[in-house]
C-alpha atoms as a PDB file:
ATOM      1  CA  MET A   1      22.096  -9.756  -5.257  1.00  0.00           C
ATOM      2  CA  ILE A   2      21.227  -7.237  -7.017  1.00  0.00           C
ATOM      3  CA  ALA A   3      17.627  -8.527  -7.862  1.00  0.00           C
ATOM      4  CA  LEU A   4      16.524  -8.755  -4.398  1.00  0.00           C
ATOM      5  CA  GLU A   5      17.765  -5.493  -3.348  1.00  0.00           C
ATOM      6  CA  LYS A   6      15.569  -4.110  -6.026  1.00  0.00           C
ATOM      7  CA  THR A   7      12.885  -6.033  -4.510  1.00  0.00           C
ATOM      8  CA  ASP A   8      13.348  -4.681  -1.312  1.00  0.00           C
ATOM      9  CA  THR A   9      13.747  -1.266  -2.482  1.00  0.00           C
ATOM     10  CA  GLU A  10       9.984  -1.905  -4.676  1.00  0.00           C
ATOM     11  CA  THR A  11       8.441  -3.179  -1.358  1.00  0.00           C
ATOM     12  CA  ASN A  12       9.777  -0.245   0.812  1.00  0.00           C
ATOM     13  CA  LYS A  13       8.479   2.121  -1.760  1.00  0.00           C
ATOM     14  CA  LYS A  14       5.063   0.360  -2.118  1.00  0.00           C
ATOM     15  CA  LYS A  15       4.687  -0.194   2.029  1.00  0.00           C
ATOM     16  CA  ASP A  16       6.068   4.014   2.001  1.00  0.00           C
ATOM     17  CA  ILE A  17       3.018   4.921  -0.679  1.00  0.00           C
ATOM     18  CA  ILE A  18       0.108   2.570   1.171  1.00  0.00           C
ATOM     19  CA  ASN A  19       1.051   4.012   4.834  1.00  0.00           C
ATOM     20  CA  ARG A  20       0.523   7.475   2.759  1.00  0.00           C
ATOM     21  CA  ILE A  21      -2.427   6.515   1.410  1.00  0.00           C
ATOM     22  CA  VAL A  22      -3.653   4.960   4.791  1.00  0.00           C
ATOM     23  CA  SER A  23      -3.123   8.037   6.780  1.00  0.00           C
ATOM     24  CA  LYS A  24      -5.209  10.005   4.365  1.00  0.00           C
ATOM     25  CA  LEU A  25      -8.393   7.628   4.426  1.00  0.00           C
ATOM     26  CA  PHE A  26      -7.832   7.797   8.421  1.00  0.00           C
ATOM     27  CA  SER A  27      -7.877  11.382   8.351  1.00  0.00           C
ATOM     28  CA  GLU A  28     -10.905  11.514   5.959  1.00  0.00           C
ATOM     29  CA  ASN A  29     -12.848   8.847   7.792  1.00  0.00           C
ATOM     30  CA  GLU A  30     -11.745   8.120  11.791  1.00  0.00           C
ATOM     31  CA  GLY A  31     -14.033   5.098  11.666  1.00  0.00           C
ATOM     32  CA  LEU A  32     -11.952   3.281   9.356  1.00  0.00           C
ATOM     33  CA  TYR A  33      -9.585   2.409  12.093  1.00  0.00           C
ATOM     34  CA  TYR A  34     -12.002  -0.353  13.222  1.00  0.00           C
ATOM     35  CA  SER A  35     -12.403  -1.378   9.549  1.00  0.00           C
ATOM     36  CA  PRO A  36     -11.202  -4.702   8.728  1.00  0.00           C
ATOM     37  CA  THR A  37      -8.016  -5.028   7.040  1.00  0.00           C
ATOM     38  CA  ASP A  38      -9.606  -6.877   3.782  1.00  0.00           C
ATOM     39  CA  ASP A  39     -11.744  -3.307   3.648  1.00  0.00           C
ATOM     40  CA  ILE A  40      -8.785  -0.989   4.248  1.00  0.00           C
ATOM     41  CA  ALA A  41      -6.847  -2.829   1.481  1.00  0.00           C
ATOM     42  CA  VAL A  42      -9.247  -2.680  -1.268  1.00  0.00           C
ATOM     43  CA  LEU A  43      -9.985   1.156  -0.490  1.00  0.00           C
ATOM     44  CA  VAL A  44      -5.921   1.744  -0.972  1.00  0.00           C
ATOM     45  CA  LYS A  45      -6.528  -0.369  -4.421  1.00  0.00           C
ATOM     46  CA  GLU A  46      -9.345   1.348  -5.490  1.00  0.00           C
ATOM     47  CA  ARG A  47      -7.488   4.890  -4.604  1.00  0.00           C
ATOM     48  CA  ILE A  48      -4.279   3.702  -6.589  1.00  0.00           C
ATOM     49  CA  GLN A  49      -6.264   2.163  -9.586  1.00  0.00           C
ATOM     50  CA  ASN A  50      -8.382   5.939  -9.822  1.00  0.00           C
ATOM     51  CA  ASN A  51      -5.168   7.910  -9.498  1.00  0.00           C
ATOM     52  CA  ILE A  52      -6.189   9.329  -5.988  1.00  0.00           C
ATOM     53  CA  TYR A  53      -3.118  10.273  -3.992  1.00  0.00           C
ATOM     54  CA  VAL A  54      -0.579   8.798  -6.328  1.00  0.00           C
ATOM     55  CA  SER A  55       1.462   9.882  -8.865  1.00  0.00           C
ATOM     56  CA  ARG A  56       1.742   7.860 -12.726  1.00  0.00           C
ATOM     57  CA  GLU A  57       4.705   6.449 -11.740  1.00  0.00           C
ATOM     58  CA  GLU A  58       3.804   5.638  -8.348  1.00  0.00           C
ATOM     59  CA  LYS A  59       0.313   3.676  -9.924  1.00  0.00           C
ATOM     60  CA  ASP A  60       2.653   2.157 -12.120  1.00  0.00           C
ATOM     61  CA  LEU A  61       4.378   0.451  -9.598  1.00  0.00           C
ATOM     62  CA  PHE A  62       1.407  -1.491  -8.307  1.00  0.00           C
ATOM     63  CA  ALA A  63       0.755  -3.037 -11.606  1.00  0.00           C
ATOM     64  CA  GLY A  64      -0.130  -6.754 -11.077  1.00  0.00           C
ATOM     65  CA  THR A  65      -0.606  -6.018  -7.310  1.00  0.00           C
ATOM     66  CA  SER A  66      -3.642  -6.981  -5.884  1.00  0.00           C
ATOM     67  CA  ALA A  67      -5.685  -5.951  -2.895  1.00  0.00           C
ATOM     68  CA  ARG A  68      -4.457  -9.090  -1.070  1.00  0.00           C
ATOM     69  CA  ASP A  69      -1.020  -8.427  -1.672  1.00  0.00           C
ATOM     70  CA  ILE A  70      -1.766  -4.528  -0.684  1.00  0.00           C
ATOM     71  CA  LYS A  71      -2.940  -6.716   2.727  1.00  0.00           C
ATOM     72  CA  ILE A  72      -0.038  -8.229   3.447  1.00  0.00           C
ATOM     73  CA  LEU A  73       1.960  -5.686   2.307  1.00  0.00           C
ATOM     74  CA  MET A  74       0.367  -3.411   5.068  1.00  0.00           C
ATOM     75  CA  SER A  75       1.127  -6.416   7.894  1.00  0.00           C
ATOM     76  CA  TYR A  76       4.445  -7.200   6.544  1.00  0.00           C
ATOM     77  CA  ASN A  77       7.191  -5.615   9.537  1.00  0.00           C
ATOM     78  CA  SER A  78      10.405  -5.874   8.261  1.00  0.00           C
ATOM     79  CA  SER A  79      12.077  -4.614  11.104  1.00  0.00           C
ATOM     80  CA  CYS A  80      11.494  -8.269  12.634  1.00  0.00           C
ATOM     81  CA  CYS A  81      14.695 -10.232  13.654  1.00  0.00           C
END
């Protein structure tokens, strides 16, 4: 059960970081709102890799996380049933 809680905590941290990055991207370029999620996920991944909008610890949290993984986290809503 502890491993599951750790995973949930990490997932929630990742989602918070992704949401923060997406908000900043949208504030810089409102036209991105209409872009495909695949494109946004790539932009988020690039920002993380280049230490833009993230700390070193946050970047480390995303080690091994692909743009596809980010896309899934962007669309995942844990408040469901």
